[in-house]
PDB file of N, CA and C in Angstrom:
ATOM      1  N   MET A   1       0.824  -1.186   0.000  1.00  0.00           N
ATOM      2  CA  MET A   1       0.000   0.000   0.000  1.00  0.00           C
ATOM      3  C   MET A   1       0.870   1.252   0.000  1.00  0.00           C
ATOM      4  N   THR A   2       1.936   1.242   0.813  1.00  0.00           N
ATOM      5  CA  THR A   2       2.830   2.394   0.887  1.00  0.00           C
ATOM      6  C   THR A   2       3.521   2.636  -0.449  1.00  0.00           C
ATOM      7  N   ILE A   3       3.906   1.573  -1.124  1.00  0.00           N
ATOM      8  CA  ILE A   3       4.572   1.708  -2.423  1.00  0.00           C
ATOM      9  C   ILE A   3       3.606   2.296  -3.443  1.00  0.00           C
ATOM     10  N   LYS A   4       2.347   1.871  -3.415  1.00  0.00           N
ATOM     11  CA  LYS A   4       1.354   2.416  -4.339  1.00  0.00           C
ATOM     12  C   LYS A   4       1.136   3.902  -4.081  1.00  0.00           C
ATOM     13  N   LEU A   5       1.084   4.303  -2.822  1.00  0.00           N
ATOM     14  CA  LEU A   5       0.902   5.707  -2.475  1.00  0.00           C
ATOM     15  C   LEU A   5       2.117   6.522  -2.903  1.00  0.00           C
ATOM     16  N   ALA A   6       3.311   5.996  -2.645  1.00  0.00           N
ATOM     17  CA  ALA A   6       4.528   6.693  -3.043  1.00  0.00           C
ATOM     18  C   ALA A   6       4.605   6.829  -4.557  1.00  0.00           C
ATOM     19  N   THR A   7       4.238   5.785  -5.281  1.00  0.00           N
ATOM     20  CA  THR A   7       4.249   5.831  -6.743  1.00  0.00           C
ATOM     21  C   THR A   7       3.246   6.853  -7.255  1.00  0.00           C
ATOM     22  N   ALA A   8       2.059   6.872  -6.671  1.00  0.00           N
ATOM     23  CA  ALA A   8       1.036   7.838  -7.086  1.00  0.00           C
ATOM     24  C   ALA A   8       1.509   9.263  -6.823  1.00  0.00           C
ATOM     25  N   CYS A   9       2.128   9.486  -5.668  1.00  0.00           N
ATOM     26  CA  CYS A   9       2.649  10.823  -5.346  1.00  0.00           C
ATOM     27  C   CYS A   9       3.752  11.213  -6.314  1.00  0.00           C
ATOM     28  N   PHE A  10       4.628  10.278  -6.641  1.00  0.00           N
ATOM     29  CA  PHE A  10       5.715  10.565  -7.570  1.00  0.00           C
ATOM     30  C   PHE A  10       5.169  10.930  -8.947  1.00  0.00           C
ATOM     31  N   LEU A  11       4.216  10.151  -9.438  1.00  0.00           N
ATOM     32  CA  LEU A  11       3.648  10.426 -10.755  1.00  0.00           C
ATOM     33  C   LEU A  11       2.951  11.781 -10.776  1.00  0.00           C
ATOM     34  N   LEU A  12       2.217  12.085  -9.732  1.00  0.00           N
ATOM     35  CA  LEU A  12       1.556  13.385  -9.653  1.00  0.00           C
ATOM     36  C   LEU A  12       2.586  14.512  -9.633  1.00  0.00           C
ATOM     37  N   ALA A  13       3.649  14.337  -8.863  1.00  0.00           N
ATOM     38  CA  ALA A  13       4.704  15.352  -8.801  1.00  0.00           C
ATOM     39  C   ALA A  13       5.401  15.495 -10.152  1.00  0.00           C
ATOM     40  N   ALA A  14       5.622  14.373 -10.833  1.00  0.00           N
ATOM     41  CA  ALA A  14       6.282  14.433 -12.148  1.00  0.00           C
ATOM     42  C   ALA A  14       5.429  15.171 -13.162  1.00  0.00           C
ATOM     43  N   VAL A  15       4.122  15.025 -13.067  1.00  0.00           N
ATOM     44  CA  VAL A  15       3.225  15.711 -13.995  1.00  0.00           C
ATOM     45  C   VAL A  15       3.138  17.197 -13.664  1.00  0.00           C
ATOM     46  N   LEU A  16       3.110  17.529 -12.389  1.00  0.00           N
ATOM     47  CA  LEU A  16       2.947  18.923 -11.984  1.00  0.00           C
ATOM     48  C   LEU A  16       4.256  19.695 -11.869  1.00  0.00           C
ATOM     49  N   ALA A  17       5.376  19.011 -11.778  1.00  0.00           N
ATOM     50  CA  ALA A  17       6.664  19.688 -11.601  1.00  0.00           C
ATOM     51  C   ALA A  17       6.983  20.685 -12.713  1.00  0.00           C
ATOM     52  N   PRO A  18       6.797  20.338 -13.987  1.00  0.00           N
ATOM     53  CA  PRO A  18       7.084  21.331 -15.025  1.00  0.00           C
ATOM     54  C   PRO A  18       6.222  22.584 -14.911  1.00  0.00           C
ATOM     55  N   VAL A  19       4.973  22.412 -14.488  1.00  0.00           N
ATOM     56  CA  VAL A  19       4.089  23.567 -14.321  1.00  0.00           C
ATOM     57  C   VAL A  19       4.587  24.440 -13.175  1.00  0.00           C
ATOM     58  N   ALA A  20       4.922  23.818 -12.058  1.00  0.00           N
ATOM     59  CA  ALA A  20       5.424  24.567 -10.906  1.00  0.00           C
ATOM     60  C   ALA A  20       6.770  25.200 -11.220  1.00  0.00           C
ATOM     61  N   ALA A  21       7.623  24.477 -11.920  1.00  0.00           N
ATOM     62  CA  ALA A  21       8.942  25.004 -12.264  1.00  0.00           C
ATOM     63  C   ALA A  21       8.814  26.203 -13.193  1.00  0.00           C
ATOM     64  N   GLN A  22       7.892  26.142 -14.132  1.00  0.00           N
ATOM     65  CA  GLN A  22       7.716  27.257 -15.050  1.00  0.00           C
ATOM     66  C   GLN A  22       7.181  28.472 -14.299  1.00  0.00           C
ATOM     67  N   ALA A  23       6.281  28.269 -13.368  1.00  0.00           N
ATOM     68  CA  ALA A  23       5.724  29.378 -12.608  1.00  0.00           C
ATOM     69  C   ALA A  23       6.778  30.010 -11.709  1.00  0.00           C
ATOM     70  N   GLU A  24       7.711  29.200 -11.199  1.00  0.00           N
ATOM     71  CA  GLU A  24       8.737  29.680 -10.286  1.00  0.00           C
ATOM     72  C   GLU A  24      10.017  30.068 -11.021  1.00  0.00           C
ATOM     73  N   ASP A  25      10.139  29.661 -12.264  1.00  0.00           N
ATOM     74  CA  ASP A  25      11.375  29.813 -13.017  1.00  0.00           C
ATOM     75  C   ASP A  25      11.755  31.264 -13.226  1.00  0.00           C
ATOM     76  N   GLN A  26      12.995  31.589 -12.867  1.00  0.00           N
ATOM     77  CA  GLN A  26      13.504  32.935 -13.080  1.00  0.00           C
ATOM     78  C   GLN A  26      14.801  32.901 -13.872  1.00  0.00           C
ATOM     79  N   ASP A  27      15.194  31.725 -14.370  1.00  0.00           N
ATOM     80  CA  ASP A  27      16.425  31.590 -15.124  1.00  0.00           C
ATOM     81  C   ASP A  27      16.233  32.104 -16.537  1.00  0.00           C
ATOM     82  N   ALA A  28      17.157  32.935 -17.001  1.00  0.00           N
ATOM     83  CA  ALA A  28      17.068  33.492 -18.348  1.00  0.00           C
ATOM     84  C   ALA A  28      17.340  32.431 -19.412  1.00  0.00           C
ATOM     85  N   ASP A  29      18.026  31.340 -19.055  1.00  0.00           N
ATOM     86  CA  ASP A  29      18.388  30.326 -20.040  1.00  0.00           C
ATOM     87  C   ASP A  29      17.211  29.451 -20.449  1.00  0.00           C
ATOM     88  N   ARG A  30      16.067  29.614 -19.851  1.00  0.00           N
ATOM     89  CA  ARG A  30      14.921  28.774 -20.170  1.00  0.00           C
ATOM     90  C   ARG A  30      13.844  29.539 -20.934  1.00  0.00           C
ATOM     91  N   SER A  31      14.219  30.608 -21.568  1.00  0.00           N
ATOM     92  CA  SER A  31      13.221  31.409 -22.252  1.00  0.00           C
ATOM     93  C   SER A  31      12.671  30.705 -23.487  1.00  0.00           C
ATOM     94  N   HIS A  32      13.423  29.803 -24.066  1.00  0.00           N
ATOM     95  CA  HIS A  32      12.980  29.095 -25.260  1.00  0.00           C
ATOM     96  C   HIS A  32      12.260  27.808 -24.852  1.00  0.00           C
ATOM     97  N   PRO A  33      11.070  27.561 -25.382  1.00  0.00           N
ATOM     98  CA  PRO A  33      10.285  26.378 -24.983  1.00  0.00           C
ATOM     99  C   PRO A  33      11.006  25.051 -25.195  1.00  0.00           C
ATOM    100  N   ILE A  34      11.774  24.915 -26.272  1.00  0.00           N
ATOM    101  CA  ILE A  34      12.481  23.648 -26.520  1.00  0.00           C
ATOM    102  C   ILE A  34      13.508  23.392 -25.428  1.00  0.00           C
ATOM    103  N   THR A  35      14.207  24.444 -25.007  1.00  0.00           N
ATOM    104  CA  THR A  35      15.187  24.305 -23.928  1.00  0.00           C
ATOM    105  C   THR A  35      14.493  23.890 -22.647  1.00  0.00           C
ATOM    106  N   PHE A  36      13.357  24.485 -22.361  1.00  0.00           N
ATOM    107  CA  PHE A  36      12.616  24.148 -21.151  1.00  0.00           C
ATOM    108  C   PHE A  36      12.187  22.680 -21.164  1.00  0.00           C
ATOM    109  N   VAL A  37      11.712  22.198 -22.287  1.00  0.00           N
ATOM    110  CA  VAL A  37      11.285  20.803 -22.399  1.00  0.00           C
ATOM    111  C   VAL A  37      12.479  19.874 -22.212  1.00  0.00           C
ATOM    112  N   LYS A  38      13.613  20.196 -22.836  1.00  0.00           N
ATOM    113  CA  LYS A  38      14.819  19.374 -22.701  1.00  0.00           C
ATOM    114  C   LYS A  38      15.237  19.289 -21.229  1.00  0.00           C
ATOM    115  N   ASN A  39      15.217  20.424 -20.539  1.00  0.00           N
ATOM    116  CA  ASN A  39      15.581  20.447 -19.121  1.00  0.00           C
ATOM    117  C   ASN A  39      14.605  19.615 -18.298  1.00  0.00           C
ATOM    118  N   SER A  40      13.329  19.715 -18.621  1.00  0.00           N
ATOM    119  CA  SER A  40      12.311  18.955 -17.897  1.00  0.00           C
ATOM    120  C   SER A  40      12.491  17.456 -18.100  1.00  0.00           C
ATOM    121  N   VAL A  41      12.889  17.060 -19.293  1.00  0.00           N
ATOM    122  CA  VAL A  41      13.120  15.642 -19.578  1.00  0.00           C
ATOM    123  C   VAL A  41      14.272  15.121 -18.720  1.00  0.00           C
ATOM    124  N   ILE A  42      15.362  15.868 -18.655  1.00  0.00           N
ATOM    125  CA  ILE A  42      16.508  15.447 -17.839  1.00  0.00           C
ATOM    126  C   ILE A  42      16.100  15.374 -16.370  1.00  0.00           C
ATOM    127  N   THR A  43      15.401  16.391 -15.900  1.00  0.00           N
ATOM    128  CA  THR A  43      14.958  16.420 -14.504  1.00  0.00           C
ATOM    129  C   THR A  43      14.049  15.234 -14.199  1.00  0.00           C
ATOM    130  N   THR A  44      13.120  14.941 -15.089  1.00  0.00           N
ATOM    131  CA  THR A  44      12.202  13.821 -14.893  1.00  0.00           C
ATOM    132  C   THR A  44      12.945  12.489 -14.911  1.00  0.00           C
ATOM    133  N   ARG A  45      13.934  12.355 -15.789  1.00  0.00           N
ATOM    134  CA  ARG A  45      14.737  11.119 -15.819  1.00  0.00           C
ATOM    135  C   ARG A  45      15.455  10.908 -14.492  1.00  0.00           C
ATOM    136  N   ILE A  46      16.036  11.979 -13.957  1.00  0.00           N
ATOM    137  CA  ILE A  46      16.747  11.855 -12.683  1.00  0.00           C
ATOM    138  C   ILE A  46      15.779  11.449 -11.583  1.00  0.00           C
ATOM    139  N   LYS A  47      14.607  12.102 -11.523  1.00  0.00           N
ATOM    140  CA  LYS A  47      13.621  11.759 -10.499  1.00  0.00           C
ATOM    141  C   LYS A  47      13.157  10.308 -10.650  1.00  0.00           C
ATOM    142  N   ALA A  48      12.962   9.853 -11.883  1.00  0.00           N
ATOM    143  CA  ALA A  48      12.561   8.463 -12.115  1.00  0.00           C
ATOM    144  C   ALA A  48      13.660   7.504 -11.672  1.00  0.00           C
ATOM    145  N   ASN A  49      14.909   7.841 -11.964  1.00  0.00           N
ATOM    146  CA  ASN A  49      16.032   6.993 -11.545  1.00  0.00           C
ATOM    147  C   ASN A  49      16.149   6.947 -10.025  1.00  0.00           C
ATOM    148  N   LEU A  50      15.884   8.068  -9.363  1.00  0.00           N
ATOM    149  CA  LEU A  50      15.890   8.080  -7.899  1.00  0.00           C
ATOM    150  C   LEU A  50      14.767   7.193  -7.364  1.00  0.00           C
ATOM    151  N   ALA A  51      13.612   7.241  -8.012  1.00  0.00           N
ATOM    152  CA  ALA A  51      12.487   6.395  -7.587  1.00  0.00           C
ATOM    153  C   ALA A  51      12.812   4.924  -7.786  1.00  0.00           C
ATOM    154  N   ASP A  52      13.460   4.601  -8.909  1.00  0.00           N
ATOM    155  CA  ASP A  52      13.844   3.212  -9.166  1.00  0.00           C
ATOM    156  C   ASP A  52      14.816   2.698  -8.112  1.00  0.00           C
ATOM    157  N   ALA A  53      15.640   3.608  -7.584  1.00  0.00           N
ATOM    158  CA  ALA A  53      16.610   3.224  -6.557  1.00  0.00           C
ATOM    159  C   ALA A  53      15.960   3.142  -5.176  1.00  0.00           C
ATOM    160  N   LYS A  54      14.651   3.415  -5.125  1.00  0.00           N
ATOM    161  CA  LYS A  54      13.893   3.371  -3.877  1.00  0.00           C
ATOM    162  C   LYS A  54      14.516   4.267  -2.804  1.00  0.00           C
ATOM    163  N   MET A  55      14.852   5.494  -3.216  1.00  0.00           N
ATOM    164  CA  MET A  55      15.418   6.484  -2.290  1.00  0.00           C
ATOM    165  C   MET A  55      14.293   6.980  -1.378  1.00  0.00           C
ATOM    166  N   SER A  56      14.434   6.765  -0.086  1.00  0.00           N
ATOM    167  CA  SER A  56      13.377   7.167   0.844  1.00  0.00           C
ATOM    168  C   SER A  56      13.271   8.682   0.971  1.00  0.00           C
ATOM    169  N   SER A  57      14.317   9.401   0.610  1.00  0.00           N
ATOM    170  CA  SER A  57      14.304  10.864   0.707  1.00  0.00           C
ATOM    171  C   SER A  57      13.893  11.529  -0.606  1.00  0.00           C
ATOM    172  N   LEU A  58      13.344  10.753  -1.530  1.00  0.00           N
ATOM    173  CA  LEU A  58      12.992  11.261  -2.857  1.00  0.00           C
ATOM    174  C   LEU A  58      12.159  12.536  -2.802  1.00  0.00           C
ATOM    175  N   LEU A  59      11.175  12.562  -1.932  1.00  0.00           N
ATOM    176  CA  LEU A  59      10.288  13.714  -1.873  1.00  0.00           C
ATOM    177  C   LEU A  59      10.982  14.963  -1.349  1.00  0.00           C
ATOM    178  N   HIS A  60      12.154  14.802  -0.769  1.00  0.00           N
ATOM    179  CA  HIS A  60      12.865  15.936  -0.197  1.00  0.00           C
ATOM    180  C   HIS A  60      14.029  16.404  -1.071  1.00  0.00           C
ATOM    181  N   ILE A  61      14.179  15.828  -2.262  1.00  0.00           N
ATOM    182  CA  ILE A  61      15.252  16.215  -3.171  1.00  0.00           C
ATOM    183  C   ILE A  61      14.658  17.002  -4.328  1.00  0.00           C
ATOM    184  N   ARG A  62      15.166  18.217  -4.526  1.00  0.00           N
ATOM    185  CA  ARG A  62      14.737  19.041  -5.655  1.00  0.00           C
ATOM    186  C   ARG A  62      15.826  18.991  -6.712  1.00  0.00           C
ATOM    187  N   VAL A  63      15.441  18.783  -7.947  1.00  0.00           N
ATOM    188  CA  VAL A  63      16.374  18.669  -9.067  1.00  0.00           C
ATOM    189  C   VAL A  63      16.148  19.852 -10.000  1.00  0.00           C
ATOM    190  N   ASP A  64      17.219  20.583 -10.312  1.00  0.00           N
ATOM    191  CA  ASP A  64      17.127  21.702 -11.247  1.00  0.00           C
ATOM    192  C   ASP A  64      18.182  21.495 -12.327  1.00  0.00           C
ATOM    193  N   THR A  65      17.782  21.658 -13.582  1.00  0.00           N
ATOM    194  CA  THR A  65      18.669  21.449 -14.722  1.00  0.00           C
ATOM    195  C   THR A  65      18.735  22.711 -15.557  1.00  0.00           C
ATOM    196  N   ASP A  66      19.945  23.146 -15.923  1.00  0.00           N
ATOM    197  CA  ASP A  66      20.052  24.322 -16.785  1.00  0.00           C
ATOM    198  C   ASP A  66      20.178  23.895 -18.243  1.00  0.00           C
ATOM    199  N   ARG A  67      20.300  24.854 -19.138  1.00  0.00           N
ATOM    200  CA  ARG A  67      20.263  24.569 -20.578  1.00  0.00           C
ATOM    201  C   ARG A  67      21.455  23.764 -21.063  1.00  0.00           C
ATOM    202  N   LYS A  68      22.525  23.705 -20.298  1.00  0.00           N
ATOM    203  CA  LYS A  68      23.712  22.959 -20.707  1.00  0.00           C
ATOM    204  C   LYS A  68      23.766  21.568 -20.088  1.00  0.00           C
ATOM    205  N   GLY A  69      22.717  21.191 -19.375  1.00  0.00           N
ATOM    206  CA  GLY A  69      22.675  19.875 -18.755  1.00  0.00           C
ATOM    207  C   GLY A  69      23.303  19.820 -17.378  1.00  0.00           C
ATOM    208  N   ALA A  70      23.640  20.987 -16.812  1.00  0.00           N
ATOM    209  CA  ALA A  70      24.189  21.033 -15.453  1.00  0.00           C
ATOM    210  C   ALA A  70      23.037  20.884 -14.462  1.00  0.00           C
ATOM    211  N   VAL A  71      23.209  20.000 -13.499  1.00  0.00           N
ATOM    212  CA  VAL A  71      22.156  19.673 -12.542  1.00  0.00           C
ATOM    213  C   VAL A  71      22.559  20.140 -11.153  1.00  0.00           C
ATOM    214  N   VAL A  72      21.587  20.698 -10.435  1.00  0.00           N
ATOM    215  CA  VAL A  72      21.777  21.072  -9.033  1.00  0.00           C
ATOM    216  C   VAL A  72      20.767  20.285  -8.211  1.00  0.00           C
ATOM    217  N   LEU A  73      21.264  19.576  -7.205  1.00  0.00           N
ATOM    218  CA  LEU A  73      20.415  18.820  -6.289  1.00  0.00           C
ATOM    219  C   LEU A  73      20.331  19.587  -4.978  1.00  0.00           C
ATOM    220  N   LYS A  74      19.126  19.815  -4.496  1.00  0.00           N
ATOM    221  CA  LYS A  74      18.918  20.520  -3.230  1.00  0.00           C
ATOM    222  C   LYS A  74      17.921  19.744  -2.398  1.00  0.00           C
ATOM    223  N   GLY A  75      18.036  19.901  -1.086  1.00  0.00           N
ATOM    224  CA  GLY A  75      17.072  19.275  -0.204  1.00  0.00           C
ATOM    225  C   GLY A  75      17.737  18.569   0.949  1.00  0.00           C
ATOM    226  N   LYS A  76      16.947  17.731   1.614  1.00  0.00           N
ATOM    227  CA  LYS A  76      17.428  17.013   2.796  1.00  0.00           C
ATOM    228  C   LYS A  76      17.318  15.513   2.585  1.00  0.00           C
ATOM    229  N   VAL A  77      18.337  14.796   3.045  1.00  0.00           N
ATOM    230  CA  VAL A  77      18.361  13.340   2.982  1.00  0.00           C
ATOM    231  C   VAL A  77      18.650  12.799   4.382  1.00  0.00           C
ATOM    232  N   LYS A  78      18.390  11.511   4.565  1.00  0.00           N
ATOM    233  CA  LYS A  78      18.579  10.917   5.887  1.00  0.00           C
ATOM    234  C   LYS A  78      20.042  10.634   6.209  1.00  0.00           C
ATOM    235  N   THR A  79      20.820  10.223   5.188  1.00  0.00           N
ATOM    236  CA  THR A  79      22.213   9.849   5.436  1.00  0.00           C
ATOM    237  C   THR A  79      23.119  10.402   4.339  1.00  0.00           C
ATOM    238  N   GLN A  80      24.398  10.427   4.625  1.00  0.00           N
ATOM    239  CA  GLN A  80      25.372  10.850   3.614  1.00  0.00           C
ATOM    240  C   GLN A  80      25.399   9.861   2.458  1.00  0.00           C
ATOM    241  N   GLU A  81      25.136   8.595   2.746  1.00  0.00           N
ATOM    242  CA  GLU A  81      25.093   7.580   1.691  1.00  0.00           C
ATOM    243  C   GLU A  81      23.980   7.888   0.694  1.00  0.00           C
ATOM    244  N   GLU A  82      22.822   8.341   1.183  1.00  0.00           N
ATOM    245  CA  GLU A  82      21.730   8.719   0.285  1.00  0.00           C
ATOM    246  C   GLU A  82      22.123   9.914  -0.577  1.00  0.00           C
ATOM    247  N   ALA A  83      22.820  10.874   0.019  1.00  0.00           N
ATOM    248  CA  ALA A  83      23.280  12.044  -0.741  1.00  0.00           C
ATOM    249  C   ALA A  83      24.252  11.613  -1.835  1.00  0.00           C
ATOM    250  N   ASP A  84      25.195  10.751  -1.481  1.00  0.00           N
ATOM    251  CA  ASP A  84      26.172  10.259  -2.456  1.00  0.00           C
ATOM    252  C   ASP A  84      25.487   9.465  -3.567  1.00  0.00           C
ATOM    253  N   LYS A  85      24.508   8.643  -3.200  1.00  0.00           N
ATOM    254  CA  LYS A  85      23.777   7.840  -4.183  1.00  0.00           C
ATOM    255  C   LYS A  85      22.977   8.734  -5.128  1.00  0.00           C
ATOM    256  N   ALA A  86      22.353   9.789  -4.605  1.00  0.00           N
ATOM    257  CA  ALA A  86      21.595  10.717  -5.446  1.00  0.00           C
ATOM    258  C   ALA A  86      22.508  11.406  -6.458  1.00  0.00           C
ATOM    259  N   VAL A  87      23.687  11.804  -6.019  1.00  0.00           N
ATOM    260  CA  VAL A  87      24.654  12.443  -6.926  1.00  0.00           C
ATOM    261  C   VAL A  87      25.102  11.441  -7.985  1.00  0.00           C
ATOM    262  N   GLU A  88      25.375  10.214  -7.570  1.00  0.00           N
ATOM    263  CA  GLU A  88      25.798   9.164  -8.507  1.00  0.00           C
ATOM    264  C   GLU A  88      24.714   8.897  -9.552  1.00  0.00           C
ATOM    265  N   ILE A  89      23.476   8.819  -9.107  1.00  0.00           N
ATOM    266  CA  ILE A  89      22.364   8.581 -10.022  1.00  0.00           C
ATOM    267  C   ILE A  89      22.231   9.738 -11.005  1.00  0.00           C
ATOM    268  N   ALA A  90      22.321  10.965 -10.511  1.00  0.00           N
ATOM    269  CA  ALA A  90      22.207  12.136 -11.390  1.00  0.00           C
ATOM    270  C   ALA A  90      23.327  12.146 -12.421  1.00  0.00           C
ATOM    271  N   ARG A  91      24.555  11.851 -11.981  1.00  0.00           N
ATOM    272  CA  ARG A  91      25.699  11.837 -12.915  1.00  0.00           C
ATOM    273  C   ARG A  91      25.542  10.779 -13.992  1.00  0.00           C
ATOM    274  N   GLY A  92      24.894   9.676 -13.662  1.00  0.00           N
ATOM    275  CA  GLY A  92      24.729   8.584 -14.607  1.00  0.00           C
ATOM    276  C   GLY A  92      23.525   8.743 -15.530  1.00  0.00           C
ATOM    277  N   THR A  93      22.807   9.834 -15.405  1.00  0.00           N
ATOM    278  CA  THR A  93      21.609  10.057 -16.216  1.00  0.00           C
ATOM    279  C   THR A  93      21.984  10.695 -17.550  1.00  0.00           C
ATOM    280  N   GLU A  94      21.388  10.180 -18.624  1.00  0.00           N
ATOM    281  CA  GLU A  94      21.669  10.678 -19.969  1.00  0.00           C
ATOM    282  C   GLU A  94      21.342  12.169 -20.081  1.00  0.00           C
ATOM    283  N   GLY A  95      22.259  12.933 -20.672  1.00  0.00           N
ATOM    284  CA  GLY A  95      22.060  14.357 -20.889  1.00  0.00           C
ATOM    285  C   GLY A  95      22.667  15.242 -19.818  1.00  0.00           C
ATOM    286  N   VAL A  96      23.093  14.657 -18.709  1.00  0.00           N
ATOM    287  CA  VAL A  96      23.678  15.430 -17.613  1.00  0.00           C
ATOM    288  C   VAL A  96      25.155  15.672 -17.897  1.00  0.00           C
ATOM    289  N   THR A  97      25.566  16.943 -17.809  1.00  0.00           N
ATOM    290  CA  THR A  97      26.970  17.289 -18.041  1.00  0.00           C
ATOM    291  C   THR A  97      27.737  17.488 -16.747  1.00  0.00           C
ATOM    292  N   SER A  98      27.053  17.927 -15.679  1.00  0.00           N
ATOM    293  CA  SER A  98      27.694  18.087 -14.376  1.00  0.00           C
ATOM    294  C   SER A  98      26.630  18.062 -13.289  1.00  0.00           C
ATOM    295  N   VAL A  99      27.066  17.767 -12.057  1.00  0.00           N
ATOM    296  CA  VAL A  99      26.141  17.711 -10.926  1.00  0.00           C
ATOM    297  C   VAL A  99      26.740  18.494  -9.769  1.00  0.00           C
ATOM    298  N   GLU A 100      25.942  19.397  -9.217  1.00  0.00           N
ATOM    299  CA  GLU A 100      26.327  20.154  -8.028  1.00  0.00           C
ATOM    300  C   GLU A 100      25.355  19.763  -6.916  1.00  0.00           C
ATOM    301  N   SER A 101      25.881  19.375  -5.778  1.00  0.00           N
ATOM    302  CA  SER A 101      25.030  18.906  -4.688  1.00  0.00           C
ATOM    303  C   SER A 101      24.951  19.930  -3.563  1.00  0.00           C
ATOM    304  N   HIS A 102      23.720  20.285  -3.220  1.00  0.00           N
ATOM    305  CA  HIS A 102      23.442  21.116  -2.049  1.00  0.00           C
ATOM    306  C   HIS A 102      22.555  20.320  -1.093  1.00  0.00           C
ATOM    307  N   LEU A 103      22.726  18.995  -1.107  1.00  0.00           N
ATOM    308  CA  LEU A 103      21.945  18.119  -0.242  1.00  0.00           C
ATOM    309  C   LEU A 103      22.489  18.186   1.177  1.00  0.00           C
ATOM    310  N   LYS A 104      21.594  18.242   2.124  1.00  0.00           N
ATOM    311  CA  LYS A 104      21.975  18.297   3.539  1.00  0.00           C
ATOM    312  C   LYS A 104      21.478  17.055   4.234  1.00  0.00           C
ATOM    313  N   VAL A 105      22.323  16.504   5.104  1.00  0.00           N
ATOM    314  CA  VAL A 105      21.922  15.339   5.878  1.00  0.00           C
ATOM    315  C   VAL A 105      21.070  15.839   7.048  1.00  0.00           C
ATOM    316  N   ARG A 106      19.857  15.300   7.122  1.00  0.00           N
ATOM    317  CA  ARG A 106      18.898  15.709   8.147  1.00  0.00           C
ATOM    318  C   ARG A 106      19.312  15.115   9.476  1.00  0.00           C
ATOM    319  N   LYS A 107      19.382  15.937  10.469  1.00  0.00           N
ATOM    320  CA  LYS A 107      19.687  15.489  11.830  1.00  0.00           C
ATOM    321  C   LYS A 107      18.374  15.249  12.551  1.00  0.00           C
ATOM    322  N   ASP A 108      18.107  13.988  12.921  1.00  0.00           N
ATOM    323  CA  ASP A 108      16.875  13.676  13.667  1.00  0.00           C
ATOM    324  C   ASP A 108      17.066  14.057  15.118  1.00  0.00           C
ATOM    325  N   ASP A 109      16.090  14.790  15.648  1.00  0.00           N
ATOM    326  CA  ASP A 109      16.174  15.217  17.045  1.00  0.00           C
ATOM    327  C   ASP A 109      15.557  14.189  17.960  1.00  0.00           C
TER     328      ASP A 109
END
């Protein structure tokens, strides 16, 4: 049941992410629609690869891709291993030229 809920949430986020990203987007490099679609494809591939890896912190990782394929990962993860795995997955995704990580390991109180 939890996997079905997580999958449904992921699919909903994948469908709505381009809309939210466009509304929030302030990068000048995305002014052309084809560039925006290309960036969205790379971002969606990374998110799908993270889901395939069953990353428990998936919902807390934000992926941003610029027009040259440079990816920035932001958010919170449970362990440094999850952060390293997310960077590895992003680097191994087709179309990615570089990965910058701003992932923070969440300290449980």
